[in-house]
Structure formats: C-alpha cells, structure tokens
C-alpha cells in the first residue's frame, strides 16, 4: 500500500483500507463485487425499462418502484466502482473533496430511499384499506408530489450533513479501516471539535428514521387490521401478496441498519461491520429489483417478452 507524500501534495488524504488485510481475497472479492454491481445495474435499469414499456405497470405502485430502482442504481454506482478500484490498485488514497462528494451523493440516495419506502407503504395502505378510492386518492399529481418530497428531503439532508462536515478541520493524512466515505470516517479523522457535527447527525438520522418508520409501521398496522377483517381467504391472500414484496424490502433495509448501528455486539468485529456495510450498501440495491420482479407476474411476463424478442433479433 502506498501512502502519498503529504508534503508534496499539500493536501490531507484519506487511505481507505477496505479489505487490504486479506490480500489473498482481493481477486475473488473483485469478481464478487463486480458481479453484484453488474446484477444491480441490469436489475434496476431493467426494472425501469419494463415499467416504462408495459402499460399494465403504469400505476402508482410501479411509479414509486421505478424511482426506487433509480435511487438504488445511483447509490450502487456511487459506492461500488471505488470499492472495485481499491481492490486492484496499490494506492488506496482518496482526497477529502472526493470523499465528501461521495458521501454527499450517498446520503442523498439513502435518505431518499428511506422516504420512498415510507411513500410506498402509504400507497399500499390506500390500495388495501380504500381500494375503491385508490385511483382517485393516488392521483398522478399526488404521486409526483410524493416523489418530489422524497428527492427534496434527500437533497436537504445531504446539504445539511455535508455542511456539518465542511466545518471540521483535518490536520493530517488518515488511514481509515473502511471502504466507503461514511460519516464516521470524517469524525474519526477530524482534529477539531466534533460536537456540532455529531448533534446534526443525531438529529437528522433519528428524525428521518423515526418519521419513515412511523409511517411504515402505522400503514402496515391498518393494512393487517383490514386484511384480518376480510371474510374471503382468497381476498386476504391477494391483499397480503400486494404488499409482501415491499414488506420484505423494508425488513431487509431496516434490519441491516439496526444490526449495524443499534446492536452493540455487532461493532466488536470490524470484519462483521464491513460485511454488514457491504450488505447494506451493495447487496440491498441488487436484491430490491429481484424481490419485486420475482413476486410479480406482470413484471416477469414483460421480462420474458423482452428476452424472447432479443432471441428473435439474434
């Protein structure tokens, strides 16, 4: 590993160690993450294309899913290419400006996804609890407004959290036992007072988690009550199946966050933290399109038609 000469560059750098302590695994890990990234790109871009070309999928639920796929694609593209680069190069340094830029875009995607999952939960609540009013209640204008709110909140959160980092001072090159520019990277590398930044982080992260989880849990509480009141078993199964994919995605997303940040024992091993972070940052964006496509016949049928057309053209 090469550590850049700070006297020559005149700039403070971070050294993201990543998985450098396992040199024998660099090639297998590169292949693994490359495959994950390729599947993520194909899955999410494919989902967006399928939703756009299939008129049956021009509904509020798939409108939100299209934007969720876009966010997952962006987030994966922000994180994984740099991880792949660090697995094959000897110089794992990254400038603070680049690191903050990666963090800023990453926060935008994460905060947007959390709000988008809450919006999708509300959509399922209206669809199951008020099916006769669904198309009226979830009008195109409201759908666009909800998506705009999700992106706007992501951008606002990113601006505030990024500003809280820009007020910090960094005195020397720091070796960071991580593979991505997370908030903890900057706090551990800073040589100035971190109190203001920690307060901002605490407020925004907890506010976002509390609000989105409240919307999700409240929506599903009403959904489950409504389903239990249905007399027909087939109606109950159909109602539950319409939200099963979203509930699976929410469980995996928030379950990973709880494991990483709310369970003290998970922080005892940096390897466990790295694996958990990989699952959160790379695997979940890959799983989301698989979860939604495997449980939806219209999506699977459209994918099948695209593949058949591709075969005919060849």
Protein backbone atom coordinates (compact mmCIF):
# COMPACT_ATOMS: atom_id res chain seq x y z
CA UNK A 1 0.00 0.00 0.00
CA UNK A 2 1.33 3.38 -0.97
CA UNK A 3 0.76 6.37 1.33
CA UNK A 4 1.04 9.63 -0.59
CA UNK A 5 3.57 12.23 0.49
CA UNK A 6 1.54 14.98 2.12
CA UNK A 7 4.40 17.47 1.83
CA UNK A 8 4.38 17.11 -1.94
CA UNK A 9 0.63 17.13 -2.43
CA UNK A 10 -0.08 19.83 0.12
CA UNK A 11 -3.47 18.22 0.82
CA UNK A 12 -4.80 15.93 3.50
CA UNK A 13 -5.74 12.50 2.17
CA UNK A 14 -7.67 9.50 3.45
CA UNK A 15 -6.40 5.96 2.99
CA UNK A 16 -9.38 3.61 2.71
CA UNK A 17 -8.01 0.21 3.71
CA UNK A 18 -11.10 -1.70 2.60
CA UNK A 19 -10.23 -5.41 2.61
CA UNK A 20 -6.47 -4.93 2.17
CA UNK A 21 -5.75 -7.06 5.25
CA UNK A 22 -6.84 -10.06 3.18
CA UNK A 23 -4.53 -9.87 0.12
CA UNK A 24 -5.33 -13.43 -0.95
CA UNK A 25 -9.00 -12.46 -1.31
CA UNK A 26 -8.52 -9.36 -3.47
CA UNK A 27 -9.23 -11.09 -6.79
CA UNK A 28 -12.18 -13.20 -5.56
CA UNK A 29 -13.68 -10.13 -3.86
CA UNK A 30 -13.23 -8.06 -7.02
CA UNK A 31 -15.07 -10.70 -9.07
CA UNK A 32 -17.81 -10.99 -6.44
CA UNK A 33 -18.45 -7.25 -6.21
CA UNK A 34 -18.22 -6.86 -9.99
CA UNK A 35 -20.95 -9.49 -10.38
CA UNK A 36 -23.04 -7.79 -7.68
CA UNK A 37 -22.68 -4.45 -9.44
CA UNK A 38 -23.50 -5.92 -12.85
CA UNK A 39 -26.62 -7.63 -11.49
CA UNK A 40 -27.60 -4.41 -9.69
CA UNK A 41 -27.29 -2.30 -12.84
CA UNK A 42 -29.10 -4.83 -15.05
CA UNK A 43 -31.82 -5.43 -12.46
CA UNK A 44 -32.60 -1.81 -11.67
CA UNK A 45 -32.23 -0.46 -15.21
CA UNK A 46 -34.25 -3.44 -16.45
CA UNK A 47 -36.97 -2.71 -13.90
CA UNK A 48 -37.17 0.91 -15.04
CA UNK A 49 -37.41 -0.14 -18.71
CA UNK A 50 -40.02 -2.81 -18.01
CA UNK A 51 -42.22 -0.38 -16.08
CA UNK A 52 -41.98 2.22 -18.85
CA UNK A 53 -42.84 -0.14 -21.74
CA UNK A 54 -45.64 -2.14 -20.08
CA UNK A 55 -48.93 -0.18 -19.89
CA UNK A 56 -50.18 -2.56 -17.18
CA UNK A 57 -47.47 -1.23 -14.89
CA UNK A 58 -48.41 2.44 -15.29
CA UNK A 59 -49.87 2.56 -11.78
CA UNK A 60 -48.83 4.49 -8.65
CA UNK A 61 -47.16 1.43 -7.09
CA UNK A 62 -44.85 0.92 -10.08
CA UNK A 63 -44.30 4.63 -10.46
CA UNK A 64 -42.75 4.62 -6.99
CA UNK A 65 -40.91 1.36 -7.70
CA UNK A 66 -39.37 2.92 -10.81
CA UNK A 67 -37.92 5.72 -8.73
CA UNK A 68 -36.77 3.30 -6.03
CA UNK A 69 -34.87 1.38 -8.73
CA UNK A 70 -33.31 4.62 -9.96
CA UNK A 71 -32.15 5.50 -6.44
CA UNK A 72 -30.70 2.00 -5.93
CA UNK A 73 -28.85 2.24 -9.24
CA UNK A 74 -27.38 5.63 -8.31
CA UNK A 75 -26.36 4.52 -4.84
CA UNK A 76 -24.67 1.38 -6.10
CA UNK A 77 -22.82 3.39 -8.75
CA UNK A 78 -21.59 5.83 -6.10
CA UNK A 79 -20.13 3.13 -3.85
CA UNK A 80 -19.08 0.01 -5.75
CA UNK A 81 -16.78 1.39 -8.52
CA UNK A 82 -14.50 2.95 -5.89
CA UNK A 83 -14.55 -0.31 -3.93
CA UNK A 84 -13.57 -2.23 -7.08
CA UNK A 85 -10.76 0.23 -7.74
CA UNK A 86 -9.36 -0.19 -4.22
CA UNK A 87 -9.28 -3.96 -4.69
CA UNK A 88 -6.90 -3.76 -7.66
CA UNK A 89 -4.72 -0.70 -7.03
CA UNK A 90 -1.92 -0.30 -4.52
CA UNK A 91 -2.59 3.37 -3.82
CA UNK A 92 -5.89 3.45 -1.93
CA UNK A 93 -5.79 7.15 -1.16
CA UNK A 94 -8.72 9.46 -1.74
CA UNK A 95 -8.81 13.23 -1.31
CA UNK A 96 -11.15 14.78 1.21
CA UNK A 97 -13.03 16.62 -1.56
CA UNK A 98 -13.71 13.39 -3.43
CA UNK A 99 -14.61 11.62 -0.20
CA UNK A 100 -17.08 14.34 0.81
CA UNK A 101 -18.58 14.28 -2.69
CA UNK A 102 -19.11 10.51 -2.47
CA UNK A 103 -20.64 10.94 0.99
CA UNK A 104 -22.92 13.74 -0.19
CA UNK A 105 -24.39 11.79 -3.09
CA UNK A 106 -24.62 8.67 -0.94
CA UNK A 107 -26.61 10.49 1.76
CA UNK A 108 -28.96 11.87 -0.88
CA UNK A 109 -29.70 8.34 -2.10
CA UNK A 110 -30.08 6.78 1.37
CA UNK A 111 -32.38 9.49 2.73
CA UNK A 112 -34.41 9.47 -0.49
CA UNK A 113 -34.78 5.68 -0.33
CA UNK A 114 -36.00 5.81 3.27
CA UNK A 115 -38.69 8.34 2.37
CA UNK A 116 -39.55 6.41 -0.80
CA UNK A 117 -40.11 3.22 1.23
CA UNK A 118 -42.44 5.18 3.51
CA UNK A 119 -44.31 6.57 0.49
CA UNK A 120 -44.69 3.06 -0.93
CA UNK A 121 -46.07 1.87 2.42
CA UNK A 122 -48.66 4.65 2.31
CA UNK A 123 -49.52 3.65 -1.26
CA UNK A 124 -50.17 0.05 -0.14
CA UNK A 125 -52.27 1.36 2.77
CA UNK A 126 -54.56 3.30 0.42
CA UNK A 127 -54.74 0.41 -2.07
CA UNK A 128 -55.80 -2.17 0.53
CA UNK A 129 -57.80 -0.10 3.01
CA UNK A 130 -59.58 2.13 0.46
CA UNK A 131 -59.48 0.17 -2.83
CA UNK A 132 -62.49 1.96 -4.38
CA UNK A 133 -60.86 5.35 -3.87
CA UNK A 134 -57.33 4.24 -4.76
CA UNK A 135 -57.01 5.74 -8.25
CA UNK A 136 -58.65 8.97 -7.09
CA UNK A 137 -56.63 9.28 -3.88
CA UNK A 138 -53.31 8.37 -5.51
CA UNK A 139 -53.68 10.79 -8.39
CA UNK A 140 -50.74 11.42 -10.76
CA UNK A 141 -50.24 14.88 -9.22
CA UNK A 142 -50.02 13.42 -5.70
CA UNK A 143 -47.61 10.69 -6.86
CA UNK A 144 -45.32 13.30 -8.45
CA UNK A 145 -45.57 15.41 -5.30
CA UNK A 146 -44.64 12.49 -3.02
CA UNK A 147 -41.65 11.57 -5.18
CA UNK A 148 -40.58 15.22 -5.25
CA UNK A 149 -40.77 15.32 -1.46
CA UNK A 150 -38.60 12.19 -1.24
CA UNK A 151 -35.88 13.62 -3.51
CA UNK A 152 -36.10 17.05 -1.90
CA UNK A 153 -35.67 15.64 1.60
CA UNK A 154 -32.71 13.58 0.42
CA UNK A 155 -31.05 16.66 -1.06
CA UNK A 156 -31.78 18.81 2.01
CA UNK A 157 -30.40 16.14 4.34
CA UNK A 158 -27.30 15.82 2.19
CA UNK A 159 -26.70 19.58 2.17
CA UNK A 160 -27.04 19.88 5.95
CA UNK A 161 -24.92 16.81 6.77
CA UNK A 162 -22.28 17.81 4.24
CA UNK A 163 -22.12 21.30 5.72
CA UNK A 164 -21.62 19.78 9.17
CA UNK A 165 -18.52 18.07 7.74
CA UNK A 166 -17.17 21.13 5.98
CA UNK A 167 -16.85 22.97 9.31
CA UNK A 168 -14.45 20.28 10.56
CA UNK A 169 -10.68 20.56 10.29
CA UNK A 170 -8.40 17.76 9.10
CA UNK A 171 -4.75 18.00 10.06
CA UNK A 172 -3.02 15.01 8.52
CA UNK A 173 -3.41 12.00 6.29
CA UNK A 174 -5.55 9.38 8.00
CA UNK A 175 -5.64 5.63 7.48
CA UNK A 176 -9.30 4.57 7.62
CA UNK A 177 -10.33 0.96 8.18
CA UNK A 178 -13.27 1.22 5.83
CA UNK A 179 -14.09 1.02 2.12
CA UNK A 180 -16.56 3.89 1.80
CA UNK A 181 -16.71 7.51 2.93
CA UNK A 182 -19.19 7.28 5.79
CA UNK A 183 -19.84 9.96 8.40
CA UNK A 184 -17.76 8.06 10.98
CA UNK A 185 -14.76 8.30 8.64
CA UNK A 186 -14.75 12.08 8.84
CA UNK A 187 -15.39 12.19 12.58
CA UNK A 188 -12.50 9.82 13.31
CA UNK A 189 -10.18 11.78 11.00
CA UNK A 190 -11.06 15.24 12.27
CA UNK A 191 -8.72 17.11 14.63
CA UNK A 192 -11.30 19.76 15.58
CA UNK A 193 -14.34 19.83 17.87
CA UNK A 194 -16.90 17.31 16.57
CA UNK A 195 -19.77 18.25 18.90
CA UNK A 196 -21.76 20.31 16.35
CA UNK A 197 -21.40 17.64 13.62
CA UNK A 198 -22.45 14.85 15.99
CA UNK A 199 -25.56 16.79 17.04
CA UNK A 200 -26.55 17.42 13.42
CA UNK A 201 -26.03 13.75 12.57
CA UNK A 202 -28.06 12.61 15.58
CA UNK A 203 -30.96 14.93 14.78
CA UNK A 204 -31.23 14.18 11.06
CA UNK A 205 -30.65 10.43 11.20
CA UNK A 206 -33.04 9.84 14.09
CA UNK A 207 -35.65 12.24 12.73
CA UNK A 208 -35.58 10.53 9.35
CA UNK A 209 -35.66 7.02 10.84
CA UNK A 210 -38.45 7.88 13.31
CA UNK A 211 -40.68 9.59 10.74
CA UNK A 212 -40.30 7.00 7.99
CA UNK A 213 -40.66 4.02 10.36
CA UNK A 214 -43.73 5.61 11.95
CA UNK A 215 -45.37 5.96 8.54
CA UNK A 216 -44.41 2.41 7.54
CA UNK A 217 -45.49 0.74 10.80
CA UNK A 218 -48.73 2.73 11.01
CA UNK A 219 -49.58 1.91 7.40
CA UNK A 220 -49.00 -1.80 7.91
CA UNK A 221 -50.91 -1.81 11.18
CA UNK A 222 -54.00 -0.56 9.35
CA UNK A 223 -53.27 -2.94 6.46
CA UNK A 224 -53.11 -6.01 8.73
CA UNK A 225 -56.28 -4.96 10.56
CA UNK A 226 -58.08 -4.57 7.23
CA UNK A 227 -56.82 -7.94 5.98
CA UNK A 228 -57.96 -9.71 9.17
CA UNK A 229 -61.45 -8.28 8.68
CA UNK A 230 -61.75 -9.83 5.20
CA UNK A 231 -64.01 -12.89 5.15
CA UNK A 232 -62.60 -14.44 1.98
CA UNK A 233 -59.30 -16.31 2.26
CA UNK A 234 -58.52 -15.58 -1.39
CA UNK A 235 -59.04 -11.84 -0.81
CA UNK A 236 -56.77 -11.95 2.24
CA UNK A 237 -54.07 -13.73 0.26
CA UNK A 238 -54.35 -11.31 -2.66
CA UNK A 239 -54.24 -8.28 -0.36
CA UNK A 240 -51.20 -9.59 1.52
CA UNK A 241 -49.36 -10.55 -1.66
CA UNK A 242 -49.64 -6.98 -2.99
CA UNK A 243 -47.53 -5.68 -0.10
CA UNK A 244 -45.32 -8.73 0.56
CA UNK A 245 -42.51 -7.52 -1.72
CA UNK A 246 -42.42 -4.08 -0.14
CA UNK A 247 -42.55 -5.53 3.37
CA UNK A 248 -39.64 -7.83 2.50
CA UNK A 249 -37.58 -4.91 1.17
CA UNK A 250 -38.36 -2.78 4.25
CA UNK A 251 -37.45 -5.63 6.62
CA UNK A 252 -34.09 -6.22 4.93
CA UNK A 253 -33.28 -2.49 4.70
CA UNK A 254 -34.11 -1.51 8.26
CA UNK A 255 -32.97 -4.84 9.70
CA UNK A 256 -29.49 -4.25 8.33
CA UNK A 257 -29.43 -0.69 9.71
CA UNK A 258 -30.48 -1.94 13.16
CA UNK A 259 -27.82 -4.65 13.04
CA UNK A 260 -25.09 -2.19 12.12
CA UNK A 261 -25.94 0.79 14.30
CA UNK A 262 -28.23 -0.35 17.12
CA UNK A 263 -26.72 -3.64 18.32
CA UNK A 264 -23.51 -3.05 20.31
CA UNK A 265 -22.16 -6.58 19.80
CA UNK A 266 -22.09 -6.10 16.05
CA UNK A 267 -19.38 -3.46 16.46
CA UNK A 268 -16.93 -5.77 18.21
CA UNK A 269 -15.53 -7.04 14.94
CA UNK A 270 -14.54 -4.71 12.10
CA UNK A 271 -14.96 -7.63 9.72
CA UNK A 272 -18.59 -8.03 10.82
CA UNK A 273 -19.12 -4.28 10.35
CA UNK A 274 -17.59 -4.38 6.87
CA UNK A 275 -19.67 -7.37 5.82
CA UNK A 276 -22.79 -5.72 7.21
CA UNK A 277 -21.94 -2.49 5.40
CA UNK A 278 -21.39 -4.37 2.15
CA UNK A 279 -24.82 -5.96 2.53
CA UNK A 280 -26.38 -2.56 3.22
CA UNK A 281 -24.53 -0.62 0.52
CA UNK A 282 -24.19 -3.17 -2.27
CA UNK A 283 -26.42 -6.22 -1.80
CA UNK A 284 -29.70 -4.49 -0.94
CA UNK A 285 -29.71 -2.39 -4.18
CA UNK A 286 -29.20 -5.69 -6.02
CA UNK A 287 -31.95 -7.52 -4.11
CA UNK A 288 -34.72 -4.94 -4.48
CA UNK A 289 -35.45 -5.50 -8.20
CA UNK A 290 -35.20 -9.26 -7.66
CA UNK A 291 -37.67 -9.13 -4.76
CA UNK A 292 -40.22 -7.12 -6.73
CA UNK A 293 -39.83 -8.93 -10.03
CA UNK A 294 -39.94 -12.49 -8.67
CA UNK A 295 -43.26 -11.86 -6.91
CA UNK A 296 -44.98 -10.05 -9.78
CA UNK A 297 -46.35 -11.90 -12.77
CA UNK A 298 -46.69 -8.76 -14.96
CA UNK A 299 -43.04 -7.87 -14.43
CA UNK A 300 -41.88 -11.44 -15.08
CA UNK A 301 -44.02 -11.65 -18.22
CA UNK A 302 -42.57 -8.39 -19.58
CA UNK A 303 -39.03 -9.57 -18.85
CA UNK A 304 -39.83 -12.82 -20.67
CA UNK A 305 -41.13 -10.97 -23.73
CA UNK A 306 -38.01 -8.80 -23.84
CA UNK A 307 -35.79 -11.87 -23.71
CA UNK A 308 -37.86 -13.61 -26.42
CA UNK A 309 -37.57 -10.53 -28.64
CA UNK A 310 -33.83 -10.43 -28.05
CA UNK A 311 -33.55 -14.09 -29.07
CA UNK A 312 -35.56 -13.48 -32.26
CA UNK A 313 -33.38 -10.49 -33.21
CA UNK A 314 -30.24 -12.56 -32.75
